[in-house]
C-alpha atoms as a PDB file:
ATOM      1  CA  UNK A   1      -6.814  53.750  51.903  1.00  0.00           C
ATOM      2  CA  UNK A   2      -9.612  54.310  49.806  1.00  0.00           C
ATOM      3  CA  UNK A   3      -7.487  54.940  46.793  1.00  0.00           C
ATOM      4  CA  UNK A   4      -5.431  51.676  47.256  1.00  0.00           C
ATOM      5  CA  UNK A   5      -8.675  49.840  47.575  1.00  0.00           C
ATOM      6  CA  UNK A   6      -9.847  51.333  44.334  1.00  0.00           C
ATOM      7  CA  UNK A   7      -6.598  50.390  42.590  1.00  0.00           C
ATOM      8  CA  UNK A   8      -6.729  46.998  43.809  1.00  0.00           C
ATOM      9  CA  UNK A   9     -10.279  46.652  42.616  1.00  0.00           C
ATOM     10  CA  UNK A  10      -9.556  48.153  39.289  1.00  0.00           C
ATOM     11  CA  UNK A  11      -6.649  45.590  38.997  1.00  0.00           C
ATOM     12  CA  UNK A  12      -8.564  42.769  39.917  1.00  0.00           C
ATOM     13  CA  UNK A  13     -11.048  43.548  37.529  1.00  0.00           C
ATOM     14  CA  UNK A  14      -8.423  43.920  34.827  1.00  0.00           C
ATOM     15  CA  UNK A  15      -6.955  40.645  35.812  1.00  0.00           C
ATOM     16  CA  UNK A  16     -10.311  39.003  35.427  1.00  0.00           C
ATOM     17  CA  UNK A  17     -11.042  40.410  32.230  1.00  0.00           C
ATOM     18  CA  UNK A  18      -7.610  39.165  30.912  1.00  0.00           C
ATOM     19  CA  UNK A  19      -8.206  35.635  32.288  1.00  0.00           C
ATOM     20  CA  UNK A  20     -11.746  35.696  30.750  1.00  0.00           C
ATOM     21  CA  UNK A  21     -10.089  36.691  27.324  1.00  0.00           C
ATOM     22  CA  UNK A  22      -7.352  34.206  27.619  1.00  0.00           C
ATOM     23  CA  UNK A  23      -9.768  31.360  28.606  1.00  0.00           C
ATOM     24  CA  UNK A  24     -12.344  32.499  25.766  1.00  0.00           C
ATOM     25  CA  UNK A  25      -9.552  32.471  23.232  1.00  0.00           C
ATOM     26  CA  UNK A  26      -8.516  28.862  24.419  1.00  0.00           C
ATOM     27  CA  UNK A  27     -11.685  27.711  24.205  1.00  0.00           C
ATOM     28  CA  UNK A  28     -12.667  29.222  20.869  1.00  0.00           C
ATOM     29  CA  UNK A  29      -9.284  27.579  19.664  1.00  0.00           C
ATOM     30  CA  UNK A  30     -10.248  24.310  20.921  1.00  0.00           C
ATOM     31  CA  UNK A  31     -13.763  24.770  19.392  1.00  0.00           C
ATOM     32  CA  UNK A  32     -12.274  25.358  15.867  1.00  0.00           C
ATOM     33  CA  UNK A  33      -9.814  22.452  16.111  1.00  0.00           C
ATOM     34  CA  UNK A  34     -12.700  20.130  17.245  1.00  0.00           C
ATOM     35  CA  UNK A  35     -14.775  21.595  14.459  1.00  0.00           C
ATOM     36  CA  UNK A  36     -12.103  20.784  12.040  1.00  0.00           C
ATOM     37  CA  UNK A  37     -11.665  17.422  13.360  1.00  0.00           C
ATOM     38  CA  UNK A  38     -15.240  16.799  12.998  1.00  0.00           C
ATOM     39  CA  UNK A  39     -15.364  17.912   9.355  1.00  0.00           C
ATOM     40  CA  UNK A  40     -12.527  15.583   8.550  1.00  0.00           C
ATOM     41  CA  UNK A  41     -14.385  12.727  10.284  1.00  0.00           C
ATOM     42  CA  UNK A  42     -17.485  13.545   8.437  1.00  0.00           C
ATOM     43  CA  UNK A  43     -15.470  13.618   4.889  1.00  0.00           C
ATOM     44  CA  UNK A  44     -14.043  10.255   5.969  1.00  0.00           C
ATOM     45  CA  UNK A  45     -17.486   8.705   6.649  1.00  0.00           C
ATOM     46  CA  UNK A  46     -18.759  10.374   3.457  1.00  0.00           C
ATOM     47  CA  UNK A  47     -16.316   8.931   1.153  1.00  0.00           C
ATOM     48  CA  UNK A  48     -14.607   5.959   2.974  1.00  0.00           C
ATOM     49  CA  UNK A  49     -17.866   4.041   2.816  1.00  0.00           C
ATOM     50  CA  UNK A  50     -18.420   3.938  -0.752  1.00  0.00           C
ATOM     51  CA  UNK A  51     -14.996   3.633  -1.743  1.00  0.00           C
ATOM     52  CA  UNK A  52     -14.818   0.490   0.529  1.00  0.00           C
ATOM     53  CA  UNK A  53     -17.948  -0.787  -0.879  1.00  0.00           C
ATOM     54  CA  UNK A  54     -16.614  -0.229  -4.587  1.00  0.00           C
ATOM     55  CA  UNK A  55     -13.219  -1.940  -3.612  1.00  0.00           C
ATOM     56  CA  UNK A  56     -14.962  -4.767  -2.004  1.00  0.00           C
ATOM     57  CA  UNK A  57     -17.402  -5.381  -4.956  1.00  0.00           C
ATOM     58  CA  UNK A  58     -14.721  -5.095  -7.578  1.00  0.00           C
ATOM     59  CA  UNK A  59     -12.382  -7.734  -5.628  1.00  0.00           C
ATOM     60  CA  UNK A  60     -15.342 -10.050  -5.448  1.00  0.00           C
ATOM     61  CA  UNK A  61     -16.029  -9.969  -9.187  1.00  0.00           C
ATOM     62  CA  UNK A  62     -12.400 -10.404 -10.046  1.00  0.00           C
ATOM     63  CA  UNK A  63     -12.493 -13.561  -8.020  1.00  0.00           C
ATOM     64  CA  UNK A  64     -15.469 -14.663  -9.853  1.00  0.00           C
ATOM     65  CA  UNK A  65     -13.982 -14.237 -13.279  1.00  0.00           C
ATOM     66  CA  UNK A  66     -10.894 -16.207 -12.259  1.00  0.00           C
ATOM     67  CA  UNK A  67     -13.083 -19.090 -11.136  1.00  0.00           C
ATOM     68  CA  UNK A  68     -13.232 -21.703 -13.795  1.00  0.00           C
ATOM     69  CA  UNK A  69     -16.547 -23.035 -12.517  1.00  0.00           C
ATOM     70  CA  UNK A  70     -18.014 -19.455 -13.010  1.00  0.00           C
ATOM     71  CA  UNK A  71     -16.675 -19.037 -16.261  1.00  0.00           C
ATOM     72  CA  UNK A  72     -18.287 -22.321 -17.545  1.00  0.00           C
ATOM     73  CA  UNK A  73     -21.671 -20.627 -17.422  1.00  0.00           C
ATOM     74  CA  UNK A  74     -20.465 -18.486 -20.333  1.00  0.00           C
ATOM     75  CA  UNK A  75     -20.210 -21.523 -22.569  1.00  0.00           C
ATOM     76  CA  UNK A  76     -23.226 -23.212 -21.281  1.00  0.00           C
ATOM     77  CA  UNK A  77     -24.663 -26.007 -23.596  1.00  0.00           C
ATOM     78  CA  UNK A  78     -27.902 -23.716 -23.579  1.00  0.00           C
ATOM     79  CA  UNK A  79     -26.675 -20.943 -25.937  1.00  0.00           C
ATOM     80  CA  UNK A  80     -29.376 -18.494 -24.934  1.00  0.00           C
ATOM     81  CA  UNK A  81     -28.482 -18.897 -21.405  1.00  0.00           C
ATOM     82  CA  UNK A  82     -24.839 -18.603 -22.067  1.00  0.00           C
ATOM     83  CA  UNK A  83     -25.109 -15.406 -23.943  1.00  0.00           C
ATOM     84  CA  UNK A  84     -27.386 -13.830 -21.406  1.00  0.00           C
ATOM     85  CA  UNK A  85     -24.944 -14.546 -18.525  1.00  0.00           C
ATOM     86  CA  UNK A  86     -22.238 -13.520 -20.703  1.00  0.00           C
ATOM     87  CA  UNK A  87     -23.557 -10.138 -21.612  1.00  0.00           C
ATOM     88  CA  UNK A  88     -24.564  -9.641 -17.809  1.00  0.00           C
ATOM     89  CA  UNK A  89     -21.111 -10.751 -16.740  1.00  0.00           C
ATOM     90  CA  UNK A  90     -19.619  -8.151 -19.135  1.00  0.00           C
ATOM     91  CA  UNK A  91     -21.605  -5.181 -18.143  1.00  0.00           C
ATOM     92  CA  UNK A  92     -21.447  -5.984 -14.460  1.00  0.00           C
ATOM     93  CA  UNK A  93     -17.626  -6.184 -14.646  1.00  0.00           C
ATOM     94  CA  UNK A  94     -17.167  -3.026 -16.426  1.00  0.00           C
ATOM     95  CA  UNK A  95     -19.540  -1.252 -13.904  1.00  0.00           C
ATOM     96  CA  UNK A  96     -17.693  -2.482 -10.887  1.00  0.00           C
ATOM     97  CA  UNK A  97     -14.359  -1.610 -12.442  1.00  0.00           C
ATOM     98  CA  UNK A  98     -15.816   1.947 -13.399  1.00  0.00           C
ATOM     99  CA  UNK A  99     -17.405   2.372  -9.847  1.00  0.00           C
ATOM    100  CA  UNK A 100     -14.209   1.691  -8.144  1.00  0.00           C
ATOM    101  CA  UNK A 101     -12.338   4.196 -10.304  1.00  0.00           C
ATOM    102  CA  UNK A 102     -15.202   6.697  -9.772  1.00  0.00           C
ATOM    103  CA  UNK A 103     -14.862   6.937  -5.951  1.00  0.00           C
ATOM    104  CA  UNK A 104     -11.072   7.002  -6.212  1.00  0.00           C
ATOM    105  CA  UNK A 105     -11.552  10.081  -8.601  1.00  0.00           C
ATOM    106  CA  UNK A 106     -14.212  11.576  -6.193  1.00  0.00           C
ATOM    107  CA  UNK A 107     -12.008  10.887  -3.221  1.00  0.00           C
ATOM    108  CA  UNK A 108      -8.982  12.543  -4.825  1.00  0.00           C
ATOM    109  CA  UNK A 109     -10.945  15.549  -6.069  1.00  0.00           C
ATOM    110  CA  UNK A 110     -12.909  16.322  -2.908  1.00  0.00           C
ATOM    111  CA  UNK A 111     -10.876  15.241  -0.110  1.00  0.00           C
ATOM    112  CA  UNK A 112      -7.459  14.449  -1.342  1.00  0.00           C
ATOM    113  CA  UNK A 113      -6.446  12.323   1.432  1.00  0.00           C
ATOM    114  CA  UNK A 114      -9.142  10.644   3.803  1.00  0.00           C
ATOM    115  CA  UNK A 115      -8.321  11.214   7.524  1.00  0.00           C
ATOM    116  CA  UNK A 116      -7.672   7.596   8.750  1.00  0.00           C
ATOM    117  CA  UNK A 117      -6.958   8.801  12.428  1.00  0.00           C
ATOM    118  CA  UNK A 118      -3.194   9.408  12.231  1.00  0.00           C
ATOM    119  CA  UNK A 119      -0.353  10.238   9.759  1.00  0.00           C
ATOM    120  CA  UNK A 120       0.837   6.713   9.475  1.00  0.00           C
ATOM    121  CA  UNK A 121      -2.515   5.368   8.491  1.00  0.00           C
ATOM    122  CA  UNK A 122      -3.030   8.196   6.131  1.00  0.00           C
ATOM    123  CA  UNK A 123       0.171   7.336   4.490  1.00  0.00           C
ATOM    124  CA  UNK A 124      -0.944   3.786   4.140  1.00  0.00           C
ATOM    125  CA  UNK A 125      -4.067   4.738   2.477  1.00  0.00           C
ATOM    126  CA  UNK A 126      -2.090   6.713  -0.255  1.00  0.00           C
ATOM    127  CA  UNK A 127       0.285   3.652  -0.772  1.00  0.00           C
ATOM    128  CA  UNK A 128      -2.565   1.255  -0.822  1.00  0.00           C
ATOM    129  CA  UNK A 129      -4.499   3.268  -3.467  1.00  0.00           C
ATOM    130  CA  UNK A 130      -1.184   3.544  -5.517  1.00  0.00           C
ATOM    131  CA  UNK A 131      -0.736  -0.054  -5.328  1.00  0.00           C
ATOM    132  CA  UNK A 132      -4.077  -0.727  -6.796  1.00  0.00           C
ATOM    133  CA  UNK A 133      -3.350   1.712  -9.689  1.00  0.00           C
ATOM    134  CA  UNK A 134       0.024   0.256 -10.206  1.00  0.00           C
ATOM    135  CA  UNK A 135      -1.459  -3.359 -10.500  1.00  0.00           C
ATOM    136  CA  UNK A 136      -4.021  -2.161 -13.142  1.00  0.00           C
ATOM    137  CA  UNK A 137      -1.475   0.112 -15.131  1.00  0.00           C
ATOM    138  CA  UNK A 138       1.531  -2.239 -14.811  1.00  0.00           C
ATOM    139  CA  UNK A 139       3.124  -3.096 -18.368  1.00  0.00           C
ATOM    140  CA  UNK A 140       4.615  -6.340 -17.144  1.00  0.00           C
ATOM    141  CA  UNK A 141       3.467  -9.551 -18.656  1.00  0.00           C
ATOM    142  CA  UNK A 142       0.072 -10.008 -20.715  1.00  0.00           C
ATOM    143  CA  UNK A 143      -1.554  -6.515 -21.206  1.00  0.00           C
ATOM    144  CA  UNK A 144      -5.101  -7.816 -20.807  1.00  0.00           C
ATOM    145  CA  UNK A 145      -7.146  -5.613 -18.520  1.00  0.00           C
ATOM    146  CA  UNK A 146      -4.307  -3.061 -18.468  1.00  0.00           C
ATOM    147  CA  UNK A 147      -5.418   0.658 -17.871  1.00  0.00           C
ATOM    148  CA  UNK A 148      -2.908   3.371 -17.874  1.00  0.00           C
ATOM    149  CA  UNK A 149      -3.174   5.920 -15.119  1.00  0.00           C
ATOM    150  CA  UNK A 150      -4.714   8.582 -17.471  1.00  0.00           C
ATOM    151  CA  UNK A 151      -7.371   5.971 -18.653  1.00  0.00           C
ATOM    152  CA  UNK A 152      -8.309   5.341 -15.088  1.00  0.00           C
ATOM    153  CA  UNK A 153      -8.930   8.691 -14.250  1.00  0.00           C
ATOM    154  CA  UNK A 154     -10.826   9.288 -17.396  1.00  0.00           C
ATOM    155  CA  UNK A 155     -13.169   6.280 -16.533  1.00  0.00           C
ATOM    156  CA  UNK A 156     -13.573   7.534 -13.080  1.00  0.00           C
ATOM    157  CA  UNK A 157     -14.525  10.938 -14.256  1.00  0.00           C
ATOM    158  CA  UNK A 158     -17.214   9.380 -16.714  1.00  0.00           C
ATOM    159  CA  UNK A 159     -18.723   7.448 -13.896  1.00  0.00           C
ATOM    160  CA  UNK A 160     -19.316  10.510 -11.735  1.00  0.00           C
ATOM    161  CA  UNK A 161     -23.268  11.055 -11.872  1.00  0.00           C
ATOM    162  CA  UNK A 162     -24.111  14.594 -13.455  1.00  0.00           C
ATOM    163  CA  UNK A 163     -27.277  14.718 -11.960  1.00  0.00           C
ATOM    164  CA  UNK A 164     -25.984  14.876  -8.282  1.00  0.00           C
ATOM    165  CA  UNK A 165     -24.978  18.320  -6.679  1.00  0.00           C
ATOM    166  CA  UNK A 166     -21.401  19.194  -6.919  1.00  0.00           C
ATOM    167  CA  UNK A 167     -20.925  19.289  -3.102  1.00  0.00           C
ATOM    168  CA  UNK A 168     -22.378  15.747  -2.803  1.00  0.00           C
ATOM    169  CA  UNK A 169     -20.924  13.613  -5.791  1.00  0.00           C
ATOM    170  CA  UNK A 170     -21.765  10.078  -6.450  1.00  0.00           C
ATOM    171  CA  UNK A 171     -21.310   7.261  -9.022  1.00  0.00           C
ATOM    172  CA  UNK A 172     -24.050   6.634 -11.657  1.00  0.00           C
ATOM    173  CA  UNK A 173     -26.311   3.459 -10.927  1.00  0.00           C
ATOM    174  CA  UNK A 174     -26.019   0.451 -12.936  1.00  0.00           C
ATOM    175  CA  UNK A 175     -29.106   1.186 -14.752  1.00  0.00           C
ATOM    176  CA  UNK A 176     -27.783   4.460 -15.931  1.00  0.00           C
ATOM    177  CA  UNK A 177     -24.339   2.767 -16.833  1.00  0.00           C
ATOM    178  CA  UNK A 178     -26.046   0.252 -18.984  1.00  0.00           C
ATOM    179  CA  UNK A 179     -28.193   2.895 -20.620  1.00  0.00           C
ATOM    180  CA  UNK A 180     -25.101   4.998 -21.401  1.00  0.00           C
ATOM    181  CA  UNK A 181     -23.456   2.114 -23.141  1.00  0.00           C
ATOM    182  CA  UNK A 182     -25.629   3.060 -25.897  1.00  0.00           C
ATOM    183  CA  UNK A 183     -23.754   6.142 -26.287  1.00  0.00           C
ATOM    184  CA  UNK A 184     -20.775   5.724 -28.468  1.00  0.00           C
ATOM    185  CA  UNK A 185     -18.951   8.547 -26.919  1.00  0.00           C
ATOM    186  CA  UNK A 186     -19.222   7.050 -23.500  1.00  0.00           C
ATOM    187  CA  UNK A 187     -18.954   3.316 -24.585  1.00  0.00           C
ATOM    188  CA  UNK A 188     -15.633   3.673 -26.563  1.00  0.00           C
ATOM    189  CA  UNK A 189     -13.775   4.369 -23.231  1.00  0.00           C
ATOM    190  CA  UNK A 190     -14.847   0.838 -21.971  1.00  0.00           C
ATOM    191  CA  UNK A 191     -14.297  -0.890 -25.395  1.00  0.00           C
ATOM    192  CA  UNK A 192     -10.730  -2.167 -24.731  1.00  0.00           C
ATOM    193  CA  UNK A 193     -11.915  -3.579 -21.353  1.00  0.00           C
ATOM    194  CA  UNK A 194     -14.986  -5.318 -22.967  1.00  0.00           C
ATOM    195  CA  UNK A 195     -12.580  -6.745 -25.601  1.00  0.00           C
ATOM    196  CA  UNK A 196     -10.396  -7.972 -22.854  1.00  0.00           C
ATOM    197  CA  UNK A 197     -13.063  -9.676 -20.975  1.00  0.00           C
ATOM    198  CA  UNK A 198     -13.961 -11.600 -24.202  1.00  0.00           C
ATOM    199  CA  UNK A 199     -10.288 -12.545 -24.726  1.00  0.00           C
ATOM    200  CA  UNK A 200      -9.807 -13.667 -20.990  1.00  0.00           C
ATOM    201  CA  UNK A 201     -12.969 -16.045 -21.266  1.00  0.00           C
ATOM    202  CA  UNK A 202     -11.324 -17.948 -24.178  1.00  0.00           C
ATOM    203  CA  UNK A 203      -7.920 -18.269 -22.253  1.00  0.00           C
ATOM    204  CA  UNK A 204      -8.422 -17.904 -18.501  1.00  0.00           C
ATOM    205  CA  UNK A 205      -4.637 -18.039 -17.699  1.00  0.00           C
ATOM    206  CA  UNK A 206      -3.971 -15.110 -19.995  1.00  0.00           C
ATOM    207  CA  UNK A 207      -4.560 -12.379 -17.548  1.00  0.00           C
ATOM    208  CA  UNK A 208      -4.662 -14.294 -14.241  1.00  0.00           C
ATOM    209  CA  UNK A 209      -1.300 -12.762 -12.946  1.00  0.00           C
ATOM    210  CA  UNK A 210      -2.783  -9.082 -13.374  1.00  0.00           C
ATOM    211  CA  UNK A 211      -6.171  -9.970 -11.960  1.00  0.00           C
ATOM    212  CA  UNK A 212      -4.472 -11.511  -8.886  1.00  0.00           C
ATOM    213  CA  UNK A 213      -2.207  -8.567  -8.288  1.00  0.00           C
ATOM    214  CA  UNK A 214      -5.362  -6.194  -8.602  1.00  0.00           C
ATOM    215  CA  UNK A 215      -7.311  -8.349  -6.190  1.00  0.00           C
ATOM    216  CA  UNK A 216      -4.493  -8.682  -3.558  1.00  0.00           C
ATOM    217  CA  UNK A 217      -4.024  -4.861  -3.757  1.00  0.00           C
ATOM    218  CA  UNK A 218      -7.725  -4.366  -3.248  1.00  0.00           C
ATOM    219  CA  UNK A 219      -7.536  -6.637  -0.288  1.00  0.00           C
ATOM    220  CA  UNK A 220      -4.996  -4.641   1.141  1.00  0.00           C
ATOM    221  CA  UNK A 221      -7.009  -1.486   0.726  1.00  0.00           C
ATOM    222  CA  UNK A 222     -10.275  -3.139   2.125  1.00  0.00           C
ATOM    223  CA  UNK A 223      -8.269  -4.160   5.253  1.00  0.00           C
ATOM    224  CA  UNK A 224      -7.163  -0.875   5.934  1.00  0.00           C
ATOM    225  CA  UNK A 225     -10.691   0.814   5.418  1.00  0.00           C
ATOM    226  CA  UNK A 226     -12.293  -2.043   7.299  1.00  0.00           C
ATOM    227  CA  UNK A 227      -9.671  -3.736   9.724  1.00  0.00           C
ATOM    228  CA  UNK A 228     -12.445  -5.461  11.606  1.00  0.00           C
ATOM    229  CA  UNK A 229     -14.561  -6.808   8.806  1.00  0.00           C
ATOM    230  CA  UNK A 230     -17.721  -4.744  10.136  1.00  0.00           C
ATOM    231  CA  UNK A 231     -18.813  -3.323   6.909  1.00  0.00           C
ATOM    232  CA  UNK A 232     -17.822  -6.104   4.442  1.00  0.00           C
ATOM    233  CA  UNK A 233     -18.516  -9.155   6.636  1.00  0.00           C
ATOM    234  CA  UNK A 234     -19.814 -11.147   3.748  1.00  0.00           C
ATOM    235  CA  UNK A 235     -18.804 -12.643   0.311  1.00  0.00           C
ATOM    236  CA  UNK A 236     -20.338 -10.534  -2.384  1.00  0.00           C
ATOM    237  CA  UNK A 237     -19.724 -13.497  -4.816  1.00  0.00           C
ATOM    238  CA  UNK A 238     -23.327 -14.724  -4.141  1.00  0.00           C
ATOM    239  CA  UNK A 239     -24.625 -11.876  -6.192  1.00  0.00           C
ATOM    240  CA  UNK A 240     -22.560 -12.908  -9.255  1.00  0.00           C
END
C-alpha cells in the first residue's frame, strides 16, 4: 500500500511538473508573440506619423501651386515681394518633396512594411506608396516634375539627417535644407525640380495632370494612414 501511494505521489509530482512546463512554454510563447506585436506597433507609431505628416504637407503644397490665386503672388506688382515669395515657395516646395521621399526611404530601409493591423491593409500600404512613386515617375505627357525611381530614392537618402543616430533616423530640418542648398554637390540633385517649378509658374497647365495625379495618390495614402482624419484634421495650406 505504501509503495502504491509513493508511486501515485511520484506520478502526480511528475504530472504537475509537466503541466507547469507546458503552461510555462505556452505563456512564454504568448509573451514572445505579444512582444513582437508590440515591437511592430512601436515601429508603426515611429514611422507612420512622420510619413503621414510628410504626405499631407506635400499634398497641401501641390494644391497651392496649382491654385492660380496663389501663383499670382509670384508676379506681384511689387517686384521685391514677388521675388521673395518666389524664392520661399521654391525652397519650401523642394523641401516638402524631399521630406516625403526621405520618410519613404527611411520606412523602406528600417521597417520594410509598416504593420497596418492586417495583411490586406499592409498590401494596401505598399500599393499606395507605389502609386505615388508611379505618379511622380510616369513618362506620360509633359515631363515637368518627373523624377525617376532612382532619383526619388537618391533625394530621399540625401534628406536623411546625418546627425541623428542610425537607430533613430529622421529628416533634416528646413533650416538645414536651405543651408545645404549652398553646397553644389547637394543642390545639383534638386536642380531639375527647381527648373521645373520656374517653368511651371510661367505655364500653369503644363504639369497640372502630373501634379493632380500625385496629389490624388497622396490623398489615398493619407486616407489609409489616417482614415478618421484624426492627425490631419486641418488644411495645411494656411502656412503656404
